[in-house]
């Protein structure tokens, strides 16, 4: 996978390893990837974060408040810490995002979007609580910062932009929950994978089978991705039946 990473992205991942060792942690998590991006001063991700007031020192201080480390130990030559499951997912998501944005190379900006999509990670908790940054805002900011003409015209639309949507008579603000934001981002990725820039109801149905807070209920109802796709095909066939073969 790393052969597709740009030099800056590789340095950020390497820095994440160094940060995990320095903090006495036994694996490289999403939070270390965030620190790695901030240390890579020449990367687009660092510019996006710093423009919003995010600093490496502030992130590290907050991380130490949340996650305790072990006594720093000597690092054997050539030793590498494993990636946590969440960090591995971020690396996979960053590659997927690079394709969605029209490039085969994974840059620091794609890594940042991957971090944003892992919404329940410690890294995103720090960005939400410290700077009010949510996944869709981060993705939109990254896309805005990319050089003009880099993104194909039909790709890279920063969707879904989910803002606070209502206020009750009593003035209470109603906003989408973190799982709902994550579900919509999954649906958005599915739309982009299909070459679309609008989220359809079908995307939401399919996203429900991948959102961990909904998987158990879907399972109890006997719903999975395969069944949904089959139902979609049956519906589409009924709406637009194939033409009768000649001579039938």
Protein backbone atom coordinates (compact mmCIF):
# COMPACT_ATOMS: atom_id res chain seq x y z
CA UNK A 1 0.00 0.00 0.00
CA UNK A 2 2.70 2.51 0.95
CA UNK A 3 4.22 2.49 -2.53
CA UNK A 4 1.24 4.65 -3.59
CA UNK A 5 1.91 7.19 -0.82
CA UNK A 6 3.60 10.46 -1.71
CA UNK A 7 6.95 11.20 -0.01
CA UNK A 8 5.20 13.64 2.34
CA UNK A 9 2.57 11.05 3.27
CA UNK A 10 5.24 8.43 3.92
CA UNK A 11 7.12 10.83 6.16
CA UNK A 12 3.90 11.55 8.05
CA UNK A 13 3.32 7.83 8.66
CA UNK A 14 6.96 7.41 9.72
CA UNK A 15 6.58 10.39 12.08
CA UNK A 16 3.45 8.74 13.50
CA UNK A 17 5.60 5.71 14.40
CA UNK A 18 8.12 7.97 16.10
CA UNK A 19 5.36 9.75 18.04
CA UNK A 20 3.93 6.47 19.30
CA UNK A 21 7.37 5.33 20.53
CA UNK A 22 8.09 8.70 22.14
CA UNK A 23 4.76 8.69 23.99
CA UNK A 24 5.30 5.14 25.29
CA UNK A 25 2.35 3.69 23.38
CA UNK A 26 2.39 0.10 22.14
CA UNK A 27 0.73 0.68 18.77
CA UNK A 28 0.30 3.42 16.16
CA UNK A 29 -3.19 4.86 16.44
CA UNK A 30 -5.17 7.45 14.51
CA UNK A 31 -4.02 10.07 17.03
CA UNK A 32 -0.38 9.39 16.11
CA UNK A 33 -1.21 9.73 12.41
CA UNK A 34 -2.70 13.14 13.21
CA UNK A 35 0.51 14.18 14.97
CA UNK A 36 2.50 12.86 12.02
CA UNK A 37 0.50 15.04 9.63
CA UNK A 38 1.06 18.11 11.78
CA UNK A 39 4.81 17.45 11.86
CA UNK A 40 4.94 17.25 8.05
CA UNK A 41 5.08 21.00 7.50
CA UNK A 42 5.23 20.71 3.72
CA UNK A 43 2.03 18.69 3.47
CA UNK A 44 -1.36 20.06 2.50
CA UNK A 45 -2.98 18.48 5.56
CA UNK A 46 -0.82 20.48 7.98
CA UNK A 47 -1.73 23.71 6.17
CA UNK A 48 -5.45 22.93 6.41
CA UNK A 49 -5.19 22.13 10.12
CA UNK A 50 -3.01 25.09 11.04
CA UNK A 51 -5.30 27.46 9.16
CA UNK A 52 -7.97 26.40 11.66
CA UNK A 53 -5.74 26.89 14.68
CA UNK A 54 -4.74 23.26 15.23
CA UNK A 55 -1.20 22.89 16.53
CA UNK A 56 0.97 19.85 17.16
CA UNK A 57 1.73 20.88 20.75
CA UNK A 58 -1.94 21.41 21.63
CA UNK A 59 -2.92 18.05 20.13
CA UNK A 60 -0.13 16.27 22.03
CA UNK A 61 -1.12 17.87 25.35
CA UNK A 62 -4.74 16.83 24.90
CA UNK A 63 -3.69 13.33 23.80
CA UNK A 64 -1.64 12.86 26.97
CA UNK A 65 -4.70 13.88 29.00
CA UNK A 66 -6.81 11.19 27.30
CA UNK A 67 -4.37 8.33 26.70
CA UNK A 68 -1.71 7.35 29.21
CA UNK A 69 1.60 5.94 28.04
CA UNK A 70 4.09 3.50 29.48
CA UNK A 71 7.58 4.22 30.72
CA UNK A 72 9.68 5.00 27.66
CA UNK A 73 11.69 1.96 26.65
CA UNK A 74 14.68 1.42 24.43
CA UNK A 75 13.72 0.88 20.83
CA UNK A 76 15.36 -2.14 19.19
CA UNK A 77 17.04 -1.35 15.87
CA UNK A 78 14.55 -1.58 13.01
CA UNK A 79 11.62 -2.26 15.35
CA UNK A 80 8.20 -1.18 14.11
CA UNK A 81 5.04 -0.74 16.15
CA UNK A 82 1.86 -2.32 14.77
CA UNK A 83 -1.04 -0.16 13.59
CA UNK A 84 -4.29 -0.30 15.52
CA UNK A 85 -7.38 -1.53 13.62
CA UNK A 86 -8.65 2.06 13.43
CA UNK A 87 -5.34 3.31 12.04
CA UNK A 88 -5.34 0.53 9.43
CA UNK A 89 -8.85 1.57 8.44
CA UNK A 90 -7.69 5.19 8.09
CA UNK A 91 -4.92 4.10 5.72
CA UNK A 92 -7.45 2.16 3.65
CA UNK A 93 -9.90 5.07 3.63
CA UNK A 94 -7.17 7.48 2.55
CA UNK A 95 -6.42 5.31 -0.46
CA UNK A 96 -10.12 5.13 -1.28
CA UNK A 97 -10.41 8.90 -1.01
CA UNK A 98 -7.46 9.42 -3.32
CA UNK A 99 -9.29 7.39 -5.97
CA UNK A 100 -12.53 9.28 -5.34
CA UNK A 101 -10.67 12.55 -5.88
CA UNK A 102 -9.19 11.34 -9.14
CA UNK A 103 -5.63 10.32 -8.26
CA UNK A 104 -3.80 7.07 -7.55
CA UNK A 105 -1.34 8.75 -5.17
CA UNK A 106 -2.15 9.07 -1.47
CA UNK A 107 -1.09 12.44 -0.12
CA UNK A 108 -1.27 13.95 3.34
CA UNK A 109 -4.60 15.52 2.42
CA UNK A 110 -6.09 12.08 1.77
CA UNK A 111 -4.72 10.83 5.08
CA UNK A 112 -6.46 13.73 6.80
CA UNK A 113 -9.78 12.85 5.17
CA UNK A 114 -9.24 9.24 6.25
CA UNK A 115 -8.76 10.42 9.83
CA UNK A 116 -11.93 12.51 9.59
CA UNK A 117 -13.95 9.52 8.40
CA UNK A 118 -12.93 7.51 11.47
CA UNK A 119 -15.18 9.79 13.48
CA UNK A 120 -15.04 8.00 16.85
CA UNK A 121 -11.25 7.91 17.08
CA UNK A 122 -9.33 9.77 19.76
CA UNK A 123 -7.92 12.02 17.02
CA UNK A 124 -11.37 13.17 15.94
CA UNK A 125 -12.46 13.59 19.55
CA UNK A 126 -9.53 15.98 20.02
CA UNK A 127 -10.36 17.91 16.83
CA UNK A 128 -14.06 18.14 17.71
CA UNK A 129 -13.58 19.20 21.31
CA UNK A 130 -10.64 21.50 20.71
CA UNK A 131 -11.51 23.15 17.42
CA UNK A 132 -15.08 22.16 16.55
CA UNK A 133 -13.96 20.22 13.47
CA UNK A 134 -16.30 17.56 12.06
CA UNK A 135 -15.73 15.08 9.19
CA UNK A 136 -17.61 16.92 6.46
CA UNK A 137 -15.97 20.24 7.36
CA UNK A 138 -12.50 18.68 7.19
CA UNK A 139 -13.18 17.00 3.86
CA UNK A 140 -14.59 20.22 2.41
CA UNK A 141 -11.60 22.21 3.64
CA UNK A 142 -9.16 19.73 2.10
CA UNK A 143 -10.92 19.83 -1.26
CA UNK A 144 -10.99 23.63 -1.24
CA UNK A 145 -7.24 23.64 -0.59
CA UNK A 146 -6.38 21.32 -3.48
CA UNK A 147 -4.91 23.00 -6.58
CA UNK A 148 -7.45 24.07 -9.17
CA UNK A 149 -7.89 21.52 -11.93
CA UNK A 150 -6.59 18.62 -9.84
CA UNK A 151 -10.04 17.21 -9.15
CA UNK A 152 -12.13 15.93 -12.08
CA UNK A 153 -15.28 17.96 -12.62
CA UNK A 154 -17.58 15.15 -11.50
CA UNK A 155 -15.61 14.10 -8.41
CA UNK A 156 -14.56 15.46 -5.08
CA UNK A 157 -17.72 17.30 -4.16
CA UNK A 158 -17.55 17.85 -0.39
CA UNK A 159 -20.66 15.92 0.56
CA UNK A 160 -22.53 15.57 2.75
CA UNK A 161 -22.44 19.02 4.31
CA UNK A 162 -24.55 18.44 7.39
CA UNK A 163 -25.11 21.61 9.35
CA UNK A 164 -27.37 22.10 12.39
CA UNK A 165 -30.75 21.62 10.77
CA UNK A 166 -33.41 22.84 13.16
CA UNK A 167 -34.25 24.68 16.33
CA UNK A 168 -37.22 23.95 18.51
CA UNK A 169 -39.51 26.68 19.77
CA UNK A 170 -37.49 26.62 22.96
CA UNK A 171 -34.29 27.41 21.07
CA UNK A 172 -32.69 23.98 21.44
CA UNK A 173 -30.33 23.27 18.54
CA UNK A 174 -30.82 19.91 16.82
CA UNK A 175 -27.78 18.42 15.07
CA UNK A 176 -26.98 15.01 13.55
CA UNK A 177 -25.31 12.58 15.95
CA UNK A 178 -21.78 11.31 15.33
CA UNK A 179 -23.04 7.89 14.08
CA UNK A 180 -25.45 9.62 11.69
CA UNK A 181 -22.68 11.87 10.37
CA UNK A 182 -20.49 8.81 9.87
CA UNK A 183 -23.31 6.95 8.11
CA UNK A 184 -23.86 9.86 5.71
CA UNK A 185 -20.15 10.02 4.96
CA UNK A 186 -20.23 6.29 4.13
CA UNK A 187 -23.23 6.87 1.86
CA UNK A 188 -21.36 9.76 0.23
CA UNK A 189 -18.37 7.53 -0.45
CA UNK A 190 -20.66 4.97 -2.08
CA UNK A 191 -22.13 7.66 -4.31
CA UNK A 192 -18.65 8.84 -5.34
CA UNK A 193 -17.56 5.26 -6.03
CA UNK A 194 -20.55 5.00 -8.38
CA UNK A 195 -19.58 8.25 -10.14
CA UNK A 196 -22.38 10.30 -8.59
CA UNK A 197 -22.28 13.54 -6.61
CA UNK A 198 -25.67 13.14 -4.94
CA UNK A 199 -26.54 10.68 -2.19
CA UNK A 200 -29.50 8.46 -3.05
CA UNK A 201 -31.75 6.55 -0.65
CA UNK A 202 -30.11 3.33 -1.90
CA UNK A 203 -26.73 4.61 -0.65
CA UNK A 204 -28.21 5.16 2.81
CA UNK A 205 -29.72 1.66 2.89
CA UNK A 206 -26.37 0.15 1.98
CA UNK A 207 -24.49 2.36 4.44
CA UNK A 208 -26.73 1.07 7.25
CA UNK A 209 -25.20 -2.38 6.78
CA UNK A 210 -21.71 -0.94 7.40
CA UNK A 211 -22.46 1.43 10.28
CA UNK A 212 -21.56 -0.42 13.46
CA UNK A 213 -24.32 1.19 15.52
CA UNK A 214 -26.90 -0.14 13.03
CA UNK A 215 -25.39 -3.52 12.10
CA UNK A 216 -26.87 -5.40 15.07
CA UNK A 217 -30.41 -4.16 14.42
CA UNK A 218 -30.06 -4.85 10.69
CA UNK A 219 -28.88 -8.36 11.51
CA UNK A 220 -31.85 -8.98 13.82
CA UNK A 221 -34.14 -7.88 10.98
CA UNK A 222 -32.40 -10.23 8.57
CA UNK A 223 -31.02 -7.37 6.48
CA UNK A 224 -27.55 -7.41 4.96
CA UNK A 225 -25.83 -5.71 2.02
CA UNK A 226 -26.37 -8.66 -0.32
CA UNK A 227 -30.13 -8.70 0.30
CA UNK A 228 -30.38 -4.93 -0.18
CA UNK A 229 -28.50 -5.07 -3.47
CA UNK A 230 -30.73 -7.92 -4.66
CA UNK A 231 -33.84 -5.92 -3.72
CA UNK A 232 -32.49 -2.89 -5.58
CA UNK A 233 -31.89 -5.01 -8.69
CA UNK A 234 -35.43 -6.46 -8.51
CA UNK A 235 -36.91 -3.00 -8.13
CA UNK A 236 -34.91 -1.59 -11.02
CA UNK A 237 -35.84 -4.53 -13.22
CA UNK A 238 -39.53 -3.98 -12.44
CA UNK A 239 -39.25 -0.26 -13.24
CA UNK A 240 -37.23 -0.75 -16.43
CA UNK A 241 -37.77 -4.36 -17.66
CA UNK A 242 -35.34 -5.64 -20.27
CA UNK A 243 -36.49 -5.41 -23.87
CA UNK A 244 -38.05 -8.58 -25.24
CA UNK A 245 -35.67 -10.50 -27.44
CA UNK A 246 -36.22 -10.19 -31.18
CA UNK A 247 -38.70 -12.71 -32.58
CA UNK A 248 -40.13 -13.54 -29.17
